[in-house]
Amino acid sequence: MRTLGVFNQVSLDGYFTDANGDMSFARKDVGDAEWDAFVAGNASGGGTLLFGRITYELMASFWPTPLAAKLMPVVAERMNSLPKVVFSRTLRQASWSNRNVLLCCAPMG
């Protein structure tokens, strides 16, 4: 049997980002070795990444960048190489370089 793991960060009001789309509240200290080890451990688990459209677009705008590779090379490599499934009624094309992106959920109508 496969395992489903969830890695979420949510503000107290239930949102993943603030009113401006910023999620820096999730991590203030860039040099936190314990946090870096925790995130790298989650990324090394393998499997398939499941996203909604907004989270997919947010992740796709960061993880393929040179900055992501510099800041968190292990996580960037895994985020870029793992297969992805995106649940969206509006996304028509996936731009992330990984060719294993599967778009689900055509518009209802």
Protein backbone atom coordinates (compact mmCIF):
# COMPACT_ATOMS: atom_id res chain seq x y z
CA MET A 1 0.00 0.00 0.00
CA ARG A 2 1.29 3.46 -0.88
CA THR A 3 1.50 6.25 1.65
CA LEU A 4 0.13 9.75 1.20
CA GLY A 5 2.23 12.39 2.91
CA VAL A 6 1.21 16.02 3.26
CA PHE A 7 3.57 18.94 3.81
CA ASN A 8 1.55 22.10 4.45
CA GLN A 9 2.22 25.48 5.95
CA VAL A 10 -0.82 27.56 6.69
CA SER A 11 -1.21 30.87 8.50
CA LEU A 12 -3.54 31.08 11.49
CA ASP A 13 -6.30 32.51 9.29
CA GLY A 14 -6.13 29.44 7.03
CA TYR A 15 -4.24 30.86 4.04
CA PHE A 16 -1.01 29.73 2.43
CA THR A 17 -0.02 33.29 1.47
CA ASP A 18 -0.76 36.78 2.72
CA ALA A 19 -3.02 39.27 0.91
CA ASN A 20 -0.15 40.09 -1.50
CA GLY A 21 0.62 36.46 -2.37
CA ASP A 22 3.73 36.41 -0.16
CA MET A 23 4.54 33.33 1.89
CA SER A 24 7.68 34.51 3.64
CA PHE A 25 5.87 34.20 6.97
CA ALA A 26 6.53 30.46 6.69
CA ARG A 27 10.26 30.91 7.13
CA LYS A 28 12.02 33.99 8.42
CA ASP A 29 15.53 32.66 9.10
CA VAL A 30 17.33 31.66 5.90
CA GLY A 31 20.17 30.05 7.85
CA ASP A 32 18.06 27.59 9.87
CA ALA A 33 19.90 24.25 9.59
CA GLU A 34 17.15 22.31 11.38
CA TRP A 35 14.49 23.66 8.97
CA ASP A 36 16.70 22.97 5.93
CA ALA A 37 17.22 19.36 7.06
CA PHE A 38 13.48 18.89 7.63
CA VAL A 39 12.58 20.21 4.16
CA ALA A 40 15.35 18.22 2.45
CA GLY A 41 14.12 15.10 4.24
CA ASN A 42 10.60 15.66 2.94
CA ALA A 43 11.89 16.23 -0.59
CA SER A 44 13.95 13.05 -0.60
CA GLY A 45 10.92 10.85 -0.07
CA GLY A 46 10.15 10.42 -3.77
CA GLY A 47 6.68 9.78 -5.09
CA THR A 48 4.46 12.14 -7.03
CA LEU A 49 3.74 15.79 -6.25
CA LEU A 50 0.05 16.77 -6.18
CA PHE A 51 -0.85 20.43 -6.66
CA GLY A 52 -3.79 22.68 -7.19
CA ARG A 53 -3.30 25.25 -9.94
CA ILE A 54 -2.28 28.17 -7.74
CA THR A 55 0.26 26.17 -5.74
CA TYR A 56 1.59 24.61 -8.94
CA GLU A 57 2.10 28.04 -10.51
CA LEU A 58 3.81 29.31 -7.36
CA MET A 59 6.15 26.31 -7.20
CA ALA A 60 6.84 26.38 -10.96
CA SER A 61 7.87 30.03 -10.68
CA PHE A 62 10.54 29.29 -8.06
CA TRP A 63 11.99 25.76 -8.07
CA PRO A 64 13.42 25.76 -11.61
CA THR A 65 15.34 29.00 -10.96
CA PRO A 66 19.06 29.40 -10.23
CA LEU A 67 18.13 31.00 -6.89
CA ALA A 68 16.30 27.84 -5.76
CA ALA A 69 19.25 25.69 -6.81
CA LYS A 70 21.59 27.94 -4.85
CA LEU A 71 19.46 28.20 -1.69
CA MET A 72 18.22 24.61 -1.46
CA PRO A 73 19.93 22.40 -4.05
CA VAL A 74 18.58 19.07 -2.75
CA VAL A 75 14.99 20.29 -2.61
CA ALA A 76 15.24 22.04 -5.99
CA GLU A 77 16.55 18.89 -7.67
CA ARG A 78 13.72 16.78 -6.24
CA MET A 79 11.00 19.33 -6.94
CA ASN A 80 12.16 19.60 -10.54
CA SER A 81 12.58 15.86 -11.15
CA LEU A 82 9.53 14.34 -9.44
CA PRO A 83 6.40 13.69 -11.50
CA LYS A 84 3.57 16.13 -10.87
CA VAL A 85 -0.20 16.03 -11.03
CA VAL A 86 -2.04 19.35 -11.19
CA PHE A 87 -5.73 19.54 -10.35
CA SER A 88 -7.27 22.48 -12.15
CA ARG A 89 -10.37 23.40 -14.11
CA THR A 90 -8.62 26.29 -15.85
CA LEU A 91 -4.95 25.42 -16.46
CA ARG A 92 -4.47 24.33 -20.07
CA GLN A 93 -0.70 23.98 -20.24
CA ALA A 94 1.99 23.14 -17.71
CA SER A 95 5.17 25.18 -18.08
CA TRP A 96 7.40 23.45 -15.54
CA SER A 97 10.29 21.78 -17.35
CA ASN A 98 9.48 18.31 -16.02
CA ARG A 99 7.68 16.46 -18.79
CA ASN A 100 5.83 14.30 -16.27
CA VAL A 101 3.17 16.90 -15.52
CA LEU A 102 -0.36 15.55 -15.81
CA LEU A 103 -3.23 18.03 -15.90
CA CYS A 104 -6.50 16.81 -14.41
CA CYS A 105 -10.02 18.01 -14.17
CA ALA A 106 -11.32 19.61 -17.36
CA PRO A 107 -13.76 22.51 -16.96
CA MET A 108 -17.21 21.51 -15.85
CA GLY A 109 -20.00 22.82 -17.95
